Amino acid sequence: MAKRGGFPGGAMPGNMNNLMKQAQRMQRQMEEKTKEMEEKEWEATAGGGAVKVKVSGKKEIIGVTLDPEVVDPDDIEMLQDLIMAAVNEALRMVEEESAEMLQQFTGGLGGMF
């Protein structure tokens, strides 16, 4: 007569325990990587380096440097476009590295999600 309830051979509880340990380890690693990303800085330029923008991993602008030659009171639109281009490039760099970091953790999970 077959046993009712439980897991045959007790295999499932051990696997669940290992799975929980792996999940906790992955969570710690992700928290460490997230903190590293937040402390990191990226710099992007536009206009051949006339505009430089630094952003943090928290996606905050932490610095803007303008070459004095790019500041033309008669062409404010060009300066605005250069600043926008540099900011967008810097933020794209943060996103790209964040996605790569996330892929390291989720790449092996396959169809779990």
N, C-alpha and C. Protein backbone atom coordinates (compact mmCIF):
# COMPACT_ATOMS: atom_id res chain seq x y z
N MET A 1 0.84 -1.18 0.00
CA MET A 1 0.00 0.00 0.00
C MET A 1 0.88 1.24 0.00
N ALA A 2 0.54 2.20 -0.84
CA ALA A 2 1.35 3.42 -0.98
C ALA A 2 1.09 4.36 0.19
N LYS A 3 2.12 5.09 0.56
CA LYS A 3 1.97 6.09 1.61
C LYS A 3 1.17 7.27 1.08
N ARG A 4 0.44 7.86 1.95
CA ARG A 4 -0.32 9.05 1.57
C ARG A 4 0.37 10.27 2.16
N GLY A 5 0.37 11.36 1.36
CA GLY A 5 0.95 12.60 1.86
C GLY A 5 2.47 12.54 1.87
N GLY A 6 3.06 13.65 2.17
CA GLY A 6 4.52 13.70 2.23
C GLY A 6 5.15 13.61 0.85
N PHE A 7 6.45 13.50 0.85
CA PHE A 7 7.19 13.40 -0.40
C PHE A 7 7.94 12.09 -0.40
N PRO A 8 7.80 11.30 -1.47
CA PRO A 8 8.47 10.00 -1.53
C PRO A 8 9.98 10.16 -1.34
N GLY A 9 10.51 9.40 -0.44
CA GLY A 9 11.96 9.43 -0.23
C GLY A 9 12.46 10.71 0.42
N GLY A 10 11.58 11.63 0.75
CA GLY A 10 11.99 12.87 1.39
C GLY A 10 12.81 13.78 0.48
N ALA A 11 12.76 13.56 -0.82
CA ALA A 11 13.60 14.31 -1.75
C ALA A 11 13.18 15.77 -1.89
N MET A 12 11.91 16.04 -1.88
CA MET A 12 11.45 17.39 -2.15
C MET A 12 11.88 18.39 -1.08
N PRO A 13 11.75 18.09 0.22
CA PRO A 13 12.16 19.09 1.22
C PRO A 13 13.63 19.49 1.08
N GLY A 14 14.50 18.56 0.77
CA GLY A 14 15.92 18.89 0.58
C GLY A 14 16.12 19.79 -0.61
N ASN A 15 15.42 19.50 -1.70
CA ASN A 15 15.52 20.34 -2.89
C ASN A 15 14.99 21.74 -2.61
N MET A 16 13.89 21.83 -1.87
CA MET A 16 13.32 23.14 -1.53
C MET A 16 14.29 23.92 -0.66
N ASN A 17 14.93 23.24 0.27
CA ASN A 17 15.89 23.89 1.14
C ASN A 17 17.05 24.45 0.32
N ASN A 18 17.56 23.66 -0.61
CA ASN A 18 18.65 24.13 -1.47
C ASN A 18 18.19 25.29 -2.33
N LEU A 19 16.97 25.21 -2.85
CA LEU A 19 16.44 26.27 -3.68
C LEU A 19 16.32 27.57 -2.88
N MET A 20 15.85 27.47 -1.65
CA MET A 20 15.74 28.65 -0.79
C MET A 20 17.11 29.26 -0.50
N LYS A 21 18.09 28.42 -0.24
CA LYS A 21 19.45 28.92 0.00
C LYS A 21 20.00 29.62 -1.23
N GLN A 22 19.76 29.05 -2.40
CA GLN A 22 20.22 29.67 -3.65
C GLN A 22 19.52 31.00 -3.86
N ALA A 23 18.23 31.07 -3.59
CA ALA A 23 17.48 32.31 -3.76
C ALA A 23 18.00 33.39 -2.81
N GLN A 24 18.29 33.01 -1.58
CA GLN A 24 18.82 33.98 -0.61
C GLN A 24 20.20 34.47 -1.02
N ARG A 25 21.03 33.55 -1.51
CA ARG A 25 22.37 33.92 -1.97
C ARG A 25 22.26 34.88 -3.17
N MET A 26 21.36 34.56 -4.09
CA MET A 26 21.16 35.41 -5.27
C MET A 26 20.66 36.80 -4.85
N GLN A 27 19.77 36.84 -3.87
CA GLN A 27 19.25 38.12 -3.40
C GLN A 27 20.38 38.96 -2.80
N ARG A 28 21.24 38.35 -2.00
CA ARG A 28 22.38 39.08 -1.42
C ARG A 28 23.30 39.61 -2.51
N GLN A 29 23.58 38.76 -3.50
CA GLN A 29 24.45 39.18 -4.59
C GLN A 29 23.84 40.33 -5.37
N MET A 30 22.54 40.26 -5.62
CA MET A 30 21.87 41.34 -6.34
C MET A 30 21.90 42.63 -5.54
N GLU A 31 21.72 42.54 -4.24
CA GLU A 31 21.79 43.74 -3.39
C GLU A 31 23.18 44.35 -3.44
N GLU A 32 24.22 43.51 -3.42
CA GLU A 32 25.59 44.01 -3.49
C GLU A 32 25.85 44.69 -4.84
N LYS A 33 25.42 44.04 -5.91
CA LYS A 33 25.61 44.61 -7.25
C LYS A 33 24.83 45.91 -7.41
N THR A 34 23.63 45.95 -6.87
CA THR A 34 22.82 47.17 -6.95
C THR A 34 23.53 48.30 -6.23
N LYS A 35 24.09 48.02 -5.06
CA LYS A 35 24.82 49.06 -4.32
C LYS A 35 26.04 49.52 -5.12
N GLU A 36 26.76 48.57 -5.73
CA GLU A 36 27.90 48.92 -6.57
C GLU A 36 27.46 49.83 -7.72
N MET A 37 26.35 49.48 -8.36
CA MET A 37 25.85 50.27 -9.48
C MET A 37 25.49 51.69 -9.02
N GLU A 38 24.87 51.80 -7.86
CA GLU A 38 24.46 53.12 -7.36
C GLU A 38 25.66 54.01 -7.07
N GLU A 39 26.78 53.41 -6.70
CA GLU A 39 27.98 54.17 -6.36
C GLU A 39 28.84 54.50 -7.59
N LYS A 40 28.54 53.86 -8.69
CA LYS A 40 29.32 54.03 -9.91
C LYS A 40 28.90 55.31 -10.64
N GLU A 41 29.82 55.83 -11.48
CA GLU A 41 29.53 57.03 -12.27
C GLU A 41 29.81 56.75 -13.74
N TRP A 42 29.01 57.37 -14.60
CA TRP A 42 29.20 57.27 -16.05
C TRP A 42 29.31 58.68 -16.60
N GLU A 43 30.14 58.83 -17.63
CA GLU A 43 30.28 60.12 -18.27
C GLU A 43 30.04 59.98 -19.76
N ALA A 44 29.27 60.87 -20.31
CA ALA A 44 29.00 60.88 -21.74
C ALA A 44 29.24 62.29 -22.26
N THR A 45 29.57 62.37 -23.54
CA THR A 45 29.83 63.67 -24.14
C THR A 45 28.97 63.84 -25.39
N ALA A 46 28.87 65.09 -25.82
CA ALA A 46 28.19 65.43 -27.06
C ALA A 46 28.93 66.61 -27.68
N GLY A 47 28.74 66.77 -28.96
CA GLY A 47 29.38 67.90 -29.64
C GLY A 47 30.89 67.78 -29.64
N GLY A 48 31.38 66.56 -29.83
CA GLY A 48 32.83 66.37 -29.86
C GLY A 48 33.51 66.67 -28.52
N GLY A 49 32.78 66.51 -27.44
CA GLY A 49 33.34 66.74 -26.10
C GLY A 49 33.04 68.13 -25.57
N ALA A 50 32.30 68.92 -26.32
CA ALA A 50 31.97 70.27 -25.86
C ALA A 50 31.04 70.25 -24.66
N VAL A 51 30.24 69.21 -24.54
CA VAL A 51 29.34 69.04 -23.41
C VAL A 51 29.64 67.68 -22.79
N LYS A 52 29.90 67.67 -21.48
CA LYS A 52 30.13 66.43 -20.74
C LYS A 52 29.11 66.37 -19.61
N VAL A 53 28.55 65.18 -19.44
CA VAL A 53 27.57 64.96 -18.39
C VAL A 53 27.97 63.72 -17.62
N LYS A 54 27.93 63.81 -16.29
CA LYS A 54 28.18 62.66 -15.42
C LYS A 54 26.88 62.31 -14.72
N VAL A 55 26.59 61.01 -14.69
CA VAL A 55 25.41 60.54 -13.95
C VAL A 55 25.83 59.42 -13.01
N SER A 56 25.04 59.25 -11.97
CA SER A 56 25.30 58.17 -11.01
C SER A 56 24.44 56.98 -11.38
N GLY A 57 24.73 55.86 -10.72
CA GLY A 57 23.92 54.67 -10.90
C GLY A 57 22.50 54.84 -10.40
N LYS A 58 22.27 55.90 -9.64
CA LYS A 58 20.92 56.21 -9.19
C LYS A 58 20.18 57.04 -10.24
N LYS A 59 20.84 57.22 -11.39
CA LYS A 59 20.28 57.97 -12.53
C LYS A 59 20.06 59.43 -12.17
N GLU A 60 21.02 59.98 -11.43
CA GLU A 60 20.99 61.39 -11.08
C GLU A 60 22.16 62.07 -11.78
N ILE A 61 21.92 63.26 -12.30
CA ILE A 61 23.00 64.03 -12.91
C ILE A 61 23.86 64.57 -11.77
N ILE A 62 25.15 64.27 -11.83
CA ILE A 62 26.05 64.72 -10.77
C ILE A 62 27.08 65.72 -11.28
N GLY A 63 27.06 65.98 -12.59
CA GLY A 63 27.98 66.97 -13.11
C GLY A 63 27.70 67.29 -14.57
N VAL A 64 27.87 68.56 -14.91
CA VAL A 64 27.76 69.02 -16.28
C VAL A 64 28.93 69.96 -16.53
N THR A 65 29.66 69.70 -17.61
CA THR A 65 30.78 70.56 -17.98
C THR A 65 30.54 71.06 -19.40
N LEU A 66 30.63 72.38 -19.57
CA LEU A 66 30.43 72.98 -20.88
C LEU A 66 31.71 73.67 -21.32
N ASP A 67 32.12 73.40 -22.54
CA ASP A 67 33.23 74.12 -23.14
C ASP A 67 32.72 75.54 -23.40
N PRO A 68 33.44 76.57 -22.96
CA PRO A 68 32.96 77.94 -23.15
C PRO A 68 32.61 78.27 -24.61
N GLU A 69 33.26 77.62 -25.55
CA GLU A 69 32.99 77.90 -26.95
C GLU A 69 31.60 77.45 -27.39
N VAL A 70 31.00 76.51 -26.66
CA VAL A 70 29.69 76.01 -27.04
C VAL A 70 28.57 76.91 -26.52
N VAL A 71 28.90 77.84 -25.64
CA VAL A 71 27.90 78.74 -25.07
C VAL A 71 27.76 79.96 -25.99
N ASP A 72 26.81 79.87 -26.89
CA ASP A 72 26.54 80.94 -27.85
C ASP A 72 25.15 81.49 -27.55
N PRO A 73 25.07 82.72 -27.02
CA PRO A 73 23.77 83.27 -26.67
C PRO A 73 22.80 83.33 -27.85
N ASP A 74 23.33 83.31 -29.06
CA ASP A 74 22.46 83.37 -30.24
C ASP A 74 22.00 81.98 -30.67
N ASP A 75 22.51 80.92 -30.03
CA ASP A 75 22.13 79.56 -30.42
C ASP A 75 21.93 78.68 -29.19
N ILE A 76 21.03 79.10 -28.35
CA ILE A 76 20.72 78.36 -27.12
C ILE A 76 20.17 76.98 -27.45
N GLU A 77 19.42 76.86 -28.54
CA GLU A 77 18.83 75.57 -28.91
C GLU A 77 19.90 74.51 -29.14
N MET A 78 21.01 74.88 -29.77
CA MET A 78 22.08 73.90 -29.99
C MET A 78 22.64 73.41 -28.65
N LEU A 79 22.86 74.32 -27.73
CA LEU A 79 23.37 73.95 -26.41
C LEU A 79 22.38 73.03 -25.70
N GLN A 80 21.12 73.35 -25.77
CA GLN A 80 20.10 72.50 -25.15
C GLN A 80 20.11 71.10 -25.76
N ASP A 81 20.22 71.03 -27.07
CA ASP A 81 20.26 69.74 -27.75
C ASP A 81 21.49 68.93 -27.35
N LEU A 82 22.64 69.60 -27.23
CA LEU A 82 23.86 68.90 -26.84
C LEU A 82 23.76 68.36 -25.42
N ILE A 83 23.21 69.17 -24.52
CA ILE A 83 23.05 68.72 -23.13
C ILE A 83 22.10 67.53 -23.08
N MET A 84 21.00 67.63 -23.81
CA MET A 84 20.03 66.53 -23.83
C MET A 84 20.67 65.26 -24.40
N ALA A 85 21.44 65.39 -25.46
CA ALA A 85 22.08 64.22 -26.07
C ALA A 85 23.07 63.57 -25.11
N ALA A 86 23.85 64.39 -24.41
CA ALA A 86 24.82 63.84 -23.46
C ALA A 86 24.13 63.16 -22.29
N VAL A 87 23.09 63.77 -21.77
CA VAL A 87 22.34 63.18 -20.65
C VAL A 87 21.72 61.85 -21.08
N ASN A 88 21.09 61.85 -22.23
CA ASN A 88 20.45 60.61 -22.71
C ASN A 88 21.47 59.50 -22.93
N GLU A 89 22.64 59.84 -23.46
CA GLU A 89 23.68 58.84 -23.68
C GLU A 89 24.18 58.28 -22.34
N ALA A 90 24.39 59.16 -21.37
CA ALA A 90 24.86 58.71 -20.06
C ALA A 90 23.83 57.79 -19.40
N LEU A 91 22.56 58.16 -19.48
CA LEU A 91 21.51 57.33 -18.90
C LEU A 91 21.39 56.00 -19.64
N ARG A 92 21.59 56.01 -20.95
CA ARG A 92 21.57 54.77 -21.73
C ARG A 92 22.69 53.85 -21.26
N MET A 93 23.86 54.43 -20.96
CA MET A 93 24.98 53.63 -20.48
C MET A 93 24.65 52.96 -19.15
N VAL A 94 24.01 53.69 -18.25
CA VAL A 94 23.59 53.13 -16.96
C VAL A 94 22.60 51.99 -17.18
N GLU A 95 21.61 52.22 -18.03
CA GLU A 95 20.60 51.20 -18.31
C GLU A 95 21.23 49.93 -18.91
N GLU A 96 22.16 50.14 -19.83
CA GLU A 96 22.80 49.00 -20.49
C GLU A 96 23.56 48.14 -19.48
N GLU A 97 24.32 48.79 -18.60
CA GLU A 97 25.07 48.03 -17.61
C GLU A 97 24.14 47.38 -16.59
N SER A 98 23.08 48.07 -16.23
CA SER A 98 22.10 47.49 -15.30
C SER A 98 21.46 46.25 -15.90
N ALA A 99 21.12 46.31 -17.18
CA ALA A 99 20.51 45.17 -17.86
C ALA A 99 21.49 44.00 -17.93
N GLU A 100 22.76 44.29 -18.19
CA GLU A 100 23.77 43.23 -18.23
C GLU A 100 23.91 42.57 -16.87
N MET A 101 23.92 43.39 -15.81
CA MET A 101 24.03 42.86 -14.46
C MET A 101 22.83 41.98 -14.13
N LEU A 102 21.64 42.44 -14.48
CA LEU A 102 20.43 41.66 -14.22
C LEU A 102 20.45 40.35 -15.00
N GLN A 103 20.94 40.39 -16.22
CA GLN A 103 21.01 39.19 -17.05
C GLN A 103 21.91 38.13 -16.40
N GLN A 104 22.96 38.56 -15.70
CA GLN A 104 23.83 37.60 -15.02
C GLN A 104 23.05 36.79 -13.99
N PHE A 105 22.07 37.43 -13.35
CA PHE A 105 21.31 36.75 -12.32
C PHE A 105 20.13 35.98 -12.87
N THR A 106 19.51 36.47 -13.91
CA THR A 106 18.30 35.83 -14.42
C THR A 106 18.55 34.93 -15.61
N GLY A 107 19.71 35.01 -16.20
CA GLY A 107 20.01 34.24 -17.40
C GLY A 107 19.84 32.75 -17.23
N GLY A 108 20.21 32.23 -16.09
CA GLY A 108 20.12 30.80 -15.86
C GLY A 108 18.78 30.33 -15.35
N LEU A 109 17.83 31.24 -15.20
CA LEU A 109 16.53 30.84 -14.64
C LEU A 109 15.58 30.33 -15.70
N GLY A 110 15.90 30.58 -16.95
CA GLY A 110 15.11 30.03 -18.05
C GLY A 110 13.64 30.30 -17.94
N GLY A 111 12.84 29.24 -17.94
CA GLY A 111 11.39 29.39 -17.96
C GLY A 111 10.74 29.52 -16.60
N MET A 112 11.51 29.82 -15.56
CA MET A 112 10.92 29.93 -14.23
C MET A 112 9.97 31.11 -14.13
N PHE A 113 10.20 32.16 -14.92
CA PHE A 113 9.37 33.37 -14.80
C PHE A 113 8.54 33.58 -16.04
